[in-house]
Amino acid sequence: MPKRYRTTVTHLEMREDPRVHCPPPFGHYALFRAVDMPIHFYRYLYHVVGHNHVWVHRKKLDDEALAAIVHSPNVEIYVLYLDGSPAGFFELDLRHLPRAELSFLGIVPEFIGRGLGRFLLCEAIRTAWDRNPSKVTIQTCTLDHPRALPLYQRHGFVPYAQEEVELEDDGEGPGF
């Protein structure tokens, strides 16, 4: 039986480049743009990063529908590696320029608490503003990590709307 979750979604925006800089993480790290990422690897990252936070929307898409999004030339996915292992990722949606959206940003659970979220957010913000949008948007909800909303606000995002939604997670989906 599917589980239902009620959550408050906060929509945030940034209307000017804050020119943020965060120190790099400790250890050997690399941040790569994944071009035409294999769908199974995207599903892996999405699941590992999002399963504790009820990320369900992309799980419901079949491979063809998911590939249409993540392989779009106007969607950029960056994967953070730390000491050789994937540690997190962010997804930048540029399909609706001049608005750039940080669709997803998250850290693999084993790497939480090392400052990687702050570093990854700074890199996502810098990458988004390098594309010359008029604004950058992101959203978070009460099911996300409790430090997500304060982190976004500290880096210059301002809430502009909230809504109550219900999510349904059947624990399944293509690939997981």
C-alpha atoms as a PDB file:
ATOM      1  CA  MET A   1       0.000   0.000   0.000  1.00  0.00           C
ATOM      2  CA  PRO A   2       1.408   3.426  -0.950  1.00  0.00           C
ATOM      3  CA  LYS A   3       2.495   5.776   1.821  1.00  0.00           C
ATOM      4  CA  ARG A   4       1.103   9.304   1.779  1.00  0.00           C
ATOM      5  CA  TYR A   5       3.021  12.305   3.047  1.00  0.00           C
ATOM      6  CA  ARG A   6       1.784  15.844   3.629  1.00  0.00           C
ATOM      7  CA  THR A   7       4.422  18.500   3.238  1.00  0.00           C
ATOM      8  CA  THR A   8       4.850  22.234   2.904  1.00  0.00           C
ATOM      9  CA  VAL A   9       6.715  23.241  -0.240  1.00  0.00           C
ATOM     10  CA  THR A  10       8.584  26.553  -0.138  1.00  0.00           C
ATOM     11  CA  HIS A  11       9.408  28.208  -3.473  1.00  0.00           C
ATOM     12  CA  LEU A  12      12.448  30.490  -3.431  1.00  0.00           C
ATOM     13  CA  GLU A  13      14.094  32.805  -5.925  1.00  0.00           C
ATOM     14  CA  MET A  14      17.260  34.805  -6.367  1.00  0.00           C
ATOM     15  CA  ARG A  15      17.093  37.870  -8.604  1.00  0.00           C
ATOM     16  CA  GLU A  16      20.748  38.853  -8.700  1.00  0.00           C
ATOM     17  CA  ASP A  17      24.063  37.054  -8.679  1.00  0.00           C
ATOM     18  CA  PRO A  18      25.339  36.977  -5.096  1.00  0.00           C
ATOM     19  CA  ARG A  19      28.842  36.101  -6.304  1.00  0.00           C
ATOM     20  CA  VAL A  20      29.167  33.459  -3.622  1.00  0.00           C
ATOM     21  CA  HIS A  21      32.327  31.491  -3.055  1.00  0.00           C
ATOM     22  CA  CYS A  22      32.607  28.489  -0.794  1.00  0.00           C
ATOM     23  CA  PRO A  23      35.834  26.760   0.091  1.00  0.00           C
ATOM     24  CA  PRO A  24      36.260  23.366  -1.513  1.00  0.00           C
ATOM     25  CA  PRO A  25      35.618  20.242   0.537  1.00  0.00           C
ATOM     26  CA  PHE A  26      38.394  18.386   2.325  1.00  0.00           C
ATOM     27  CA  GLY A  27      39.681  15.364   0.467  1.00  0.00           C
ATOM     28  CA  HIS A  28      40.122  14.690  -3.210  1.00  0.00           C
ATOM     29  CA  TYR A  29      37.041  15.979  -4.967  1.00  0.00           C
ATOM     30  CA  ALA A  30      35.848  16.554  -8.502  1.00  0.00           C
ATOM     31  CA  LEU A  31      32.696  18.112  -9.883  1.00  0.00           C
ATOM     32  CA  PHE A  32      31.826  16.922 -13.378  1.00  0.00           C
ATOM     33  CA  ARG A  33      29.021  17.783 -15.739  1.00  0.00           C
ATOM     34  CA  ALA A  34      27.439  14.501 -16.790  1.00  0.00           C
ATOM     35  CA  VAL A  35      26.514  14.708 -20.469  1.00  0.00           C
ATOM     36  CA  ASP A  36      23.943  12.114 -21.572  1.00  0.00           C
ATOM     37  CA  MET A  37      24.218  10.386 -18.214  1.00  0.00           C
ATOM     38  CA  PRO A  38      23.026   6.775 -18.359  1.00  0.00           C
ATOM     39  CA  ILE A  39      19.466   6.650 -17.071  1.00  0.00           C
ATOM     40  CA  HIS A  40      20.301   3.872 -14.599  1.00  0.00           C
ATOM     41  CA  PHE A  41      23.009   6.066 -13.027  1.00  0.00           C
ATOM     42  CA  TYR A  42      20.634   9.024 -12.803  1.00  0.00           C
ATOM     43  CA  ARG A  43      18.062   6.766 -11.113  1.00  0.00           C
ATOM     44  CA  TYR A  44      20.746   5.573  -8.700  1.00  0.00           C
ATOM     45  CA  LEU A  45      21.732   9.134  -7.705  1.00  0.00           C
ATOM     46  CA  TYR A  46      18.124  10.290  -7.461  1.00  0.00           C
ATOM     47  CA  HIS A  47      17.229   7.308  -5.277  1.00  0.00           C
ATOM     48  CA  VAL A  48      20.270   7.408  -2.997  1.00  0.00           C
ATOM     49  CA  VAL A  49      20.110  11.168  -2.454  1.00  0.00           C
ATOM     50  CA  GLY A  50      16.325  11.447  -2.298  1.00  0.00           C
ATOM     51  CA  HIS A  51      14.955   8.297  -0.697  1.00  0.00           C
ATOM     52  CA  ASN A  52      15.112   9.727   2.862  1.00  0.00           C
ATOM     53  CA  HIS A  53      13.309  12.866   1.653  1.00  0.00           C
ATOM     54  CA  VAL A  54      10.481  11.266  -0.366  1.00  0.00           C
ATOM     55  CA  TRP A  55      11.745  12.298  -3.790  1.00  0.00           C
ATOM     56  CA  VAL A  56       9.103  10.514  -5.851  1.00  0.00           C
ATOM     57  CA  HIS A  57       8.375  12.519  -9.017  1.00  0.00           C
ATOM     58  CA  ARG A  58      11.188  11.169 -11.185  1.00  0.00           C
ATOM     59  CA  LYS A  59      10.711   7.598  -9.897  1.00  0.00           C
ATOM     60  CA  LYS A  60       7.290   7.541 -11.558  1.00  0.00           C
ATOM     61  CA  LEU A  61       8.675   8.315 -15.027  1.00  0.00           C
ATOM     62  CA  ASP A  62       9.553   5.552 -17.452  1.00  0.00           C
ATOM     63  CA  ASP A  63      13.025   5.580 -19.011  1.00  0.00           C
ATOM     64  CA  GLU A  64      11.915   7.378 -22.172  1.00  0.00           C
ATOM     65  CA  ALA A  65      10.183  10.218 -20.317  1.00  0.00           C
ATOM     66  CA  LEU A  66      13.083  10.569 -17.891  1.00  0.00           C
ATOM     67  CA  ALA A  67      15.639  10.602 -20.713  1.00  0.00           C
ATOM     68  CA  ALA A  68      13.682  13.374 -22.458  1.00  0.00           C
ATOM     69  CA  ILE A  69      14.326  15.552 -19.419  1.00  0.00           C
ATOM     70  CA  VAL A  70      17.821  14.629 -18.290  1.00  0.00           C
ATOM     71  CA  HIS A  71      19.238  14.371 -21.821  1.00  0.00           C
ATOM     72  CA  SER A  72      17.790  17.714 -22.888  1.00  0.00           C
ATOM     73  CA  PRO A  73      20.529  20.099 -24.045  1.00  0.00           C
ATOM     74  CA  ASN A  74      18.952  22.646 -21.680  1.00  0.00           C
ATOM     75  CA  VAL A  75      19.255  20.484 -18.575  1.00  0.00           C
ATOM     76  CA  GLU A  76      22.669  20.251 -16.943  1.00  0.00           C
ATOM     77  CA  ILE A  77      23.524  17.656 -14.311  1.00  0.00           C
ATOM     78  CA  TYR A  78      26.681  17.913 -12.229  1.00  0.00           C
ATOM     79  CA  VAL A  79      27.970  15.080 -10.055  1.00  0.00           C
ATOM     80  CA  LEU A  80      30.240  15.682  -7.078  1.00  0.00           C
ATOM     81  CA  TYR A  81      32.776  12.952  -6.340  1.00  0.00           C
ATOM     82  CA  LEU A  82      34.735  12.766  -3.100  1.00  0.00           C
ATOM     83  CA  ASP A  83      37.687  10.417  -2.821  1.00  0.00           C
ATOM     84  CA  GLY A  84      36.425   8.560  -5.903  1.00  0.00           C
ATOM     85  CA  SER A  85      32.809   8.025  -4.840  1.00  0.00           C
ATOM     86  CA  PRO A  86      29.700   9.924  -5.957  1.00  0.00           C
ATOM     87  CA  ALA A  87      28.838  12.217  -3.047  1.00  0.00           C
ATOM     88  CA  GLY A  88      26.007  14.335  -4.458  1.00  0.00           C
ATOM     89  CA  PHE A  89      24.601  16.083  -7.483  1.00  0.00           C
ATOM     90  CA  PHE A  90      22.685  19.064  -8.729  1.00  0.00           C
ATOM     91  CA  GLU A  91      20.432  19.499 -11.719  1.00  0.00           C
ATOM     92  CA  LEU A  92      20.056  22.850 -13.450  1.00  0.00           C
ATOM     93  CA  ASP A  93      17.001  23.279 -15.692  1.00  0.00           C
ATOM     94  CA  LEU A  94      17.495  25.985 -18.321  1.00  0.00           C
ATOM     95  CA  ARG A  95      14.501  25.036 -20.478  1.00  0.00           C
ATOM     96  CA  HIS A  96      12.557  28.115 -19.355  1.00  0.00           C
ATOM     97  CA  LEU A  97      15.177  30.851 -19.643  1.00  0.00           C
ATOM     98  CA  PRO A  98      15.429  33.585 -18.586  1.00  0.00           C
ATOM     99  CA  ARG A  99      14.488  31.632 -15.435  1.00  0.00           C
ATOM    100  CA  ALA A 100      17.014  29.026 -14.345  1.00  0.00           C
ATOM    101  CA  GLU A 101      15.800  26.397 -11.904  1.00  0.00           C
ATOM    102  CA  LEU A 102      17.883  24.304  -9.557  1.00  0.00           C
ATOM    103  CA  SER A 103      15.609  21.288  -9.911  1.00  0.00           C
ATOM    104  CA  PHE A 104      17.502  18.970  -7.596  1.00  0.00           C
ATOM    105  CA  LEU A 105      20.426  19.350  -5.251  1.00  0.00           C
ATOM    106  CA  GLY A 106      21.443  16.797  -2.678  1.00  0.00           C
ATOM    107  CA  ILE A 107      24.140  14.854  -0.919  1.00  0.00           C
ATOM    108  CA  VAL A 108      24.501  11.079  -0.568  1.00  0.00           C
ATOM    109  CA  PRO A 109      23.595  10.280   3.067  1.00  0.00           C
ATOM    110  CA  GLU A 110      27.041   8.934   3.986  1.00  0.00           C
ATOM    111  CA  PHE A 111      28.579  12.295   3.051  1.00  0.00           C
ATOM    112  CA  ILE A 112      26.172  14.585   4.946  1.00  0.00           C
ATOM    113  CA  GLY A 113      27.803  16.708   7.627  1.00  0.00           C
ATOM    114  CA  ARG A 114      31.025  17.431   5.739  1.00  0.00           C
ATOM    115  CA  GLY A 115      30.032  20.827   4.296  1.00  0.00           C
ATOM    116  CA  LEU A 116      29.405  19.367   0.860  1.00  0.00           C
ATOM    117  CA  GLY A 117      25.862  20.758   0.641  1.00  0.00           C
ATOM    118  CA  ARG A 118      27.127  24.305   1.046  1.00  0.00           C
ATOM    119  CA  PHE A 119      29.901  23.734  -1.496  1.00  0.00           C
ATOM    120  CA  LEU A 120      27.541  22.094  -3.986  1.00  0.00           C
ATOM    121  CA  LEU A 121      24.970  24.889  -3.602  1.00  0.00           C
ATOM    122  CA  CYS A 122      27.647  27.529  -4.206  1.00  0.00           C
ATOM    123  CA  GLU A 123      28.753  25.739  -7.357  1.00  0.00           C
ATOM    124  CA  ALA A 124      25.143  25.382  -8.510  1.00  0.00           C
ATOM    125  CA  ILE A 125      24.477  29.091  -7.956  1.00  0.00           C
ATOM    126  CA  ARG A 126      27.658  30.089  -9.797  1.00  0.00           C
ATOM    127  CA  THR A 127      26.856  27.734 -12.683  1.00  0.00           C
ATOM    128  CA  ALA A 128      23.284  29.027 -12.929  1.00  0.00           C
ATOM    129  CA  TRP A 129      24.349  32.684 -13.031  1.00  0.00           C
ATOM    130  CA  ASP A 130      26.994  31.872 -15.659  1.00  0.00           C
ATOM    131  CA  ARG A 131      24.007  31.150 -17.954  1.00  0.00           C
ATOM    132  CA  ASN A 132      22.755  34.788 -17.587  1.00  0.00           C
ATOM    133  CA  PRO A 133      19.243  34.204 -16.246  1.00  0.00           C
ATOM    134  CA  SER A 134      17.041  36.988 -14.896  1.00  0.00           C
ATOM    135  CA  LYS A 135      16.439  34.859 -11.803  1.00  0.00           C
ATOM    136  CA  VAL A 136      17.298  31.489 -10.300  1.00  0.00           C
ATOM    137  CA  THR A 137      14.648  29.442  -8.504  1.00  0.00           C
ATOM    138  CA  ILE A 138      14.688  26.457  -6.192  1.00  0.00           C
ATOM    139  CA  GLN A 139      12.169  24.740  -3.997  1.00  0.00           C
ATOM    140  CA  THR A 140      12.359  22.698  -0.843  1.00  0.00           C
ATOM    141  CA  CYS A 141       9.847  21.039   1.413  1.00  0.00           C
ATOM    142  CA  THR A 142       9.483  19.999   5.018  1.00  0.00           C
ATOM    143  CA  LEU A 143      10.518  16.445   4.054  1.00  0.00           C
ATOM    144  CA  ASP A 144      13.925  17.635   2.801  1.00  0.00           C
ATOM    145  CA  HIS A 145      16.943  17.892   5.072  1.00  0.00           C
ATOM    146  CA  PRO A 146      16.096  20.343   7.882  1.00  0.00           C
ATOM    147  CA  ARG A 147      19.107  22.515   7.004  1.00  0.00           C
ATOM    148  CA  ALA A 148      18.075  22.939   3.337  1.00  0.00           C
ATOM    149  CA  LEU A 149      15.802  25.980   3.701  1.00  0.00           C
ATOM    150  CA  PRO A 150      18.144  27.935   6.010  1.00  0.00           C
ATOM    151  CA  LEU A 151      21.075  27.104   3.724  1.00  0.00           C
ATOM    152  CA  TYR A 152      19.245  28.410   0.660  1.00  0.00           C
ATOM    153  CA  GLN A 153      18.279  31.588   2.481  1.00  0.00           C
ATOM    154  CA  ARG A 154      21.829  32.191   3.773  1.00  0.00           C
ATOM    155  CA  HIS A 155      23.047  32.029   0.185  1.00  0.00           C
ATOM    156  CA  GLY A 156      20.596  34.622  -1.101  1.00  0.00           C
ATOM    157  CA  PHE A 157      17.387  32.797  -2.001  1.00  0.00           C
ATOM    158  CA  VAL A 158      14.190  34.515  -0.873  1.00  0.00           C
ATOM    159  CA  PRO A 159      10.903  32.651  -0.339  1.00  0.00           C
ATOM    160  CA  TYR A 160       8.069  33.893  -2.545  1.00  0.00           C
ATOM    161  CA  ALA A 161       5.376  31.205  -2.134  1.00  0.00           C
ATOM    162  CA  GLN A 162       4.365  28.196  -0.075  1.00  0.00           C
ATOM    163  CA  GLU A 163       1.894  25.425  -0.710  1.00  0.00           C
ATOM    164  CA  GLU A 164       0.679  22.305   1.035  1.00  0.00           C
ATOM    165  CA  VAL A 165       0.958  19.153  -1.064  1.00  0.00           C
ATOM    166  CA  GLU A 166       0.476  15.450  -0.613  1.00  0.00           C
ATOM    167  CA  LEU A 167       3.044  13.034  -1.969  1.00  0.00           C
ATOM    168  CA  GLU A 168       2.483   9.362  -2.542  1.00  0.00           C
ATOM    169  CA  ASP A 169       5.319   6.873  -2.467  1.00  0.00           C
ATOM    170  CA  ASP A 170       4.607   3.316  -3.493  1.00  0.00           C
ATOM    171  CA  GLY A 171       8.221   2.347  -2.875  1.00  0.00           C
ATOM    172  CA  GLU A 172       8.563   1.286  -6.470  1.00  0.00           C
ATOM    173  CA  GLY A 173       9.279   2.842  -9.803  1.00  0.00           C
ATOM    174  CA  PRO A 174      11.461   1.915 -12.760  1.00  0.00           C
ATOM    175  CA  GLY A 175      14.862   0.819 -11.546  1.00  0.00           C
ATOM    176  CA  PHE A 176      14.086   0.690  -7.813  1.00  0.00           C
END
